[in-house]
Amino acid sequence: MNVFSFIERQPPFRVVDVMVNPLKNFAQLYRERAEVTHRGVKLPLVPMRELIRMKTGTGRLRDQEDIDYLRFADSVGTYEAT
Protein backbone atom coordinates (compact mmCIF):
# COMPACT_ATOMS: atom_id res chain seq x y z
CA MET A 1 0.00 0.00 0.00
CA ASN A 2 1.53 3.32 -1.07
CA VAL A 3 0.50 6.19 1.15
CA PHE A 4 1.43 9.85 1.50
CA SER A 5 1.15 11.15 5.05
CA PHE A 6 0.33 14.78 5.70
CA ILE A 7 1.38 15.82 9.19
CA GLU A 8 0.05 18.82 11.10
CA ARG A 9 3.10 20.03 13.03
CA GLN A 10 1.17 22.15 15.50
CA PRO A 11 -1.31 20.96 18.13
CA PRO A 12 -3.27 18.74 17.88
CA PHE A 13 -0.58 17.08 15.66
CA ARG A 14 -2.90 15.14 13.35
CA VAL A 15 -1.81 12.87 10.52
CA VAL A 16 -3.85 12.30 7.36
CA ASP A 17 -2.85 9.40 5.13
CA VAL A 18 -3.73 9.58 1.42
CA MET A 19 -3.57 6.29 -0.47
CA VAL A 20 -2.18 6.43 -3.98
CA ASN A 21 -2.84 2.85 -5.09
CA PRO A 22 -6.38 2.30 -6.33
CA LEU A 23 -8.51 -0.13 -4.34
CA LYS A 24 -10.07 -2.98 -6.28
CA ASN A 25 -13.41 -2.45 -4.55
CA PHE A 26 -13.33 1.36 -4.53
CA ALA A 27 -16.92 1.88 -5.76
CA GLN A 28 -18.34 -0.30 -2.98
CA LEU A 29 -16.14 1.29 -0.31
CA TYR A 30 -17.07 4.77 -1.50
CA ARG A 31 -20.77 3.95 -1.12
CA GLU A 32 -20.05 2.76 2.44
CA ARG A 33 -17.77 5.68 3.36
CA ALA A 34 -18.06 7.67 6.51
CA GLU A 35 -18.18 11.39 5.87
CA VAL A 36 -17.09 14.07 8.28
CA THR A 37 -16.80 17.83 7.99
CA HIS A 38 -13.68 19.56 9.25
CA ARG A 39 -13.30 23.32 9.01
CA GLY A 40 -16.12 23.41 6.49
CA VAL A 41 -14.62 20.73 4.22
CA LYS A 42 -16.37 17.38 3.76
CA LEU A 43 -13.93 14.48 3.99
CA PRO A 44 -14.76 10.94 2.87
CA LEU A 45 -13.27 8.28 5.16
CA VAL A 46 -12.64 4.62 4.47
CA PRO A 47 -15.13 2.45 6.37
CA MET A 48 -13.71 1.43 9.75
CA ARG A 49 -13.76 -2.32 9.01
CA GLU A 50 -11.82 -1.76 5.76
CA LEU A 51 -9.23 0.45 7.42
CA ILE A 52 -8.66 -2.24 10.05
CA ARG A 53 -8.39 -4.88 7.30
CA MET A 54 -5.86 -2.76 5.37
CA LYS A 55 -3.68 -2.34 8.46
CA THR A 56 -3.88 -6.00 9.49
CA GLY A 57 -0.89 -8.13 8.64
CA THR A 58 1.54 -5.35 7.74
CA GLY A 59 3.86 -6.34 10.56
CA ARG A 60 4.24 -2.72 11.62
CA LEU A 61 3.90 -1.93 15.32
CA ARG A 62 2.28 1.41 14.44
CA ASP A 63 -0.43 -0.34 12.41
CA GLN A 64 -1.18 -2.71 15.29
CA GLU A 65 -1.49 0.27 17.63
CA ASP A 66 -3.82 1.91 15.09
CA ILE A 67 -5.92 -1.27 14.88
CA ASP A 68 -6.31 -1.35 18.66
CA TYR A 69 -7.38 2.29 18.69
CA LEU A 70 -9.73 1.86 15.70
CA ARG A 71 -11.44 -1.12 17.33
CA PHE A 72 -11.90 0.90 20.51
CA ALA A 73 -13.19 3.94 18.60
CA ASP A 74 -15.58 1.74 16.64
CA SER A 75 -16.91 0.18 19.85
CA VAL A 76 -17.81 3.60 21.27
CA GLY A 77 -18.99 5.09 17.98
CA THR A 78 -16.18 7.63 17.59
CA TYR A 79 -15.11 8.28 14.01
CA GLU A 80 -14.89 11.98 13.44
CA ALA A 81 -12.45 14.72 12.56
CA THR A 82 -11.44 17.00 15.40
C-alpha atoms as a PDB file:
ATOM      1  CA  MET A   1       0.000   0.000   0.000  1.00  0.00           C
ATOM      2  CA  ASN A   2       1.528   3.317  -1.074  1.00  0.00           C
ATOM      3  CA  VAL A   3       0.505   6.188   1.155  1.00  0.00           C
ATOM      4  CA  PHE A   4       1.427   9.848   1.498  1.00  0.00           C
ATOM      5  CA  SER A   5       1.147  11.146   5.049  1.00  0.00           C
ATOM      6  CA  PHE A   6       0.333  14.777   5.704  1.00  0.00           C
ATOM      7  CA  ILE A   7       1.381  15.825   9.194  1.00  0.00           C
ATOM      8  CA  GLU A   8       0.052  18.819  11.102  1.00  0.00           C
ATOM      9  CA  ARG A   9       3.102  20.028  13.025  1.00  0.00           C
ATOM     10  CA  GLN A  10       1.168  22.145  15.502  1.00  0.00           C
ATOM     11  CA  PRO A  11      -1.308  20.963  18.129  1.00  0.00           C
ATOM     12  CA  PRO A  12      -3.267  18.735  17.879  1.00  0.00           C
ATOM     13  CA  PHE A  13      -0.578  17.078  15.664  1.00  0.00           C
ATOM     14  CA  ARG A  14      -2.896  15.141  13.354  1.00  0.00           C
ATOM     15  CA  VAL A  15      -1.812  12.869  10.524  1.00  0.00           C
ATOM     16  CA  VAL A  16      -3.848  12.297   7.363  1.00  0.00           C
ATOM     17  CA  ASP A  17      -2.851   9.400   5.126  1.00  0.00           C
ATOM     18  CA  VAL A  18      -3.731   9.576   1.418  1.00  0.00           C
ATOM     19  CA  MET A  19      -3.572   6.291  -0.468  1.00  0.00           C
ATOM     20  CA  VAL A  20      -2.183   6.430  -3.983  1.00  0.00           C
ATOM     21  CA  ASN A  21      -2.842   2.848  -5.088  1.00  0.00           C
ATOM     22  CA  PRO A  22      -6.378   2.295  -6.327  1.00  0.00           C
ATOM     23  CA  LEU A  23      -8.512  -0.126  -4.338  1.00  0.00           C
ATOM     24  CA  LYS A  24     -10.075  -2.978  -6.276  1.00  0.00           C
ATOM     25  CA  ASN A  25     -13.406  -2.452  -4.548  1.00  0.00           C
ATOM     26  CA  PHE A  26     -13.335   1.357  -4.528  1.00  0.00           C
ATOM     27  CA  ALA A  27     -16.918   1.885  -5.758  1.00  0.00           C
ATOM     28  CA  GLN A  28     -18.340  -0.295  -2.983  1.00  0.00           C
ATOM     29  CA  LEU A  29     -16.145   1.290  -0.310  1.00  0.00           C
ATOM     30  CA  TYR A  30     -17.072   4.774  -1.504  1.00  0.00           C
ATOM     31  CA  ARG A  31     -20.772   3.951  -1.121  1.00  0.00           C
ATOM     32  CA  GLU A  32     -20.051   2.762   2.442  1.00  0.00           C
ATOM     33  CA  ARG A  33     -17.770   5.677   3.355  1.00  0.00           C
ATOM     34  CA  ALA A  34     -18.056   7.672   6.510  1.00  0.00           C
ATOM     35  CA  GLU A  35     -18.180  11.389   5.865  1.00  0.00           C
ATOM     36  CA  VAL A  36     -17.087  14.074   8.284  1.00  0.00           C
ATOM     37  CA  THR A  37     -16.799  17.830   7.990  1.00  0.00           C
ATOM     38  CA  HIS A  38     -13.684  19.556   9.252  1.00  0.00           C
ATOM     39  CA  ARG A  39     -13.297  23.324   9.014  1.00  0.00           C
ATOM     40  CA  GLY A  40     -16.120  23.407   6.486  1.00  0.00           C
ATOM     41  CA  VAL A  41     -14.625  20.728   4.219  1.00  0.00           C
ATOM     42  CA  LYS A  42     -16.369  17.375   3.763  1.00  0.00           C
ATOM     43  CA  LEU A  43     -13.927  14.478   3.986  1.00  0.00           C
ATOM     44  CA  PRO A  44     -14.756  10.939   2.871  1.00  0.00           C
ATOM     45  CA  LEU A  45     -13.266   8.282   5.156  1.00  0.00           C
ATOM     46  CA  VAL A  46     -12.644   4.622   4.468  1.00  0.00           C
ATOM     47  CA  PRO A  47     -15.135   2.447   6.372  1.00  0.00           C
ATOM     48  CA  MET A  48     -13.713   1.429   9.751  1.00  0.00           C
ATOM     49  CA  ARG A  49     -13.757  -2.324   9.009  1.00  0.00           C
ATOM     50  CA  GLU A  50     -11.821  -1.756   5.763  1.00  0.00           C
ATOM     51  CA  LEU A  51      -9.232   0.452   7.421  1.00  0.00           C
ATOM     52  CA  ILE A  52      -8.662  -2.240  10.049  1.00  0.00           C
ATOM     53  CA  ARG A  53      -8.390  -4.877   7.299  1.00  0.00           C
ATOM     54  CA  MET A  54      -5.864  -2.764   5.369  1.00  0.00           C
ATOM     55  CA  LYS A  55      -3.681  -2.344   8.460  1.00  0.00           C
ATOM     56  CA  THR A  56      -3.884  -6.002   9.492  1.00  0.00           C
ATOM     57  CA  GLY A  57      -0.885  -8.134   8.636  1.00  0.00           C
ATOM     58  CA  THR A  58       1.535  -5.347   7.735  1.00  0.00           C
ATOM     59  CA  GLY A  59       3.861  -6.340  10.562  1.00  0.00           C
ATOM     60  CA  ARG A  60       4.240  -2.719  11.617  1.00  0.00           C
ATOM     61  CA  LEU A  61       3.902  -1.933  15.324  1.00  0.00           C
ATOM     62  CA  ARG A  62       2.279   1.409  14.444  1.00  0.00           C
ATOM     63  CA  ASP A  63      -0.427  -0.339  12.412  1.00  0.00           C
ATOM     64  CA  GLN A  64      -1.180  -2.714  15.291  1.00  0.00           C
ATOM     65  CA  GLU A  65      -1.491   0.271  17.629  1.00  0.00           C
ATOM     66  CA  ASP A  66      -3.818   1.907  15.095  1.00  0.00           C
ATOM     67  CA  ILE A  67      -5.924  -1.274  14.885  1.00  0.00           C
ATOM     68  CA  ASP A  68      -6.309  -1.352  18.660  1.00  0.00           C
ATOM     69  CA  TYR A  69      -7.382   2.295  18.686  1.00  0.00           C
ATOM     70  CA  LEU A  70      -9.731   1.861  15.704  1.00  0.00           C
ATOM     71  CA  ARG A  71     -11.444  -1.117  17.327  1.00  0.00           C
ATOM     72  CA  PHE A  72     -11.899   0.905  20.508  1.00  0.00           C
ATOM     73  CA  ALA A  73     -13.186   3.938  18.605  1.00  0.00           C
ATOM     74  CA  ASP A  74     -15.579   1.737  16.639  1.00  0.00           C
ATOM     75  CA  SER A  75     -16.906   0.180  19.850  1.00  0.00           C
ATOM     76  CA  VAL A  76     -17.806   3.601  21.267  1.00  0.00           C
ATOM     77  CA  GLY A  77     -18.986   5.087  17.984  1.00  0.00           C
ATOM     78  CA  THR A  78     -16.180   7.631  17.593  1.00  0.00           C
ATOM     79  CA  TYR A  79     -15.105   8.281  14.013  1.00  0.00           C
ATOM     80  CA  GLU A  80     -14.895  11.984  13.436  1.00  0.00           C
ATOM     81  CA  ALA A  81     -12.450  14.723  12.559  1.00  0.00           C
ATOM     82  CA  THR A  82     -11.437  17.003  15.405  1.00  0.00           C
END
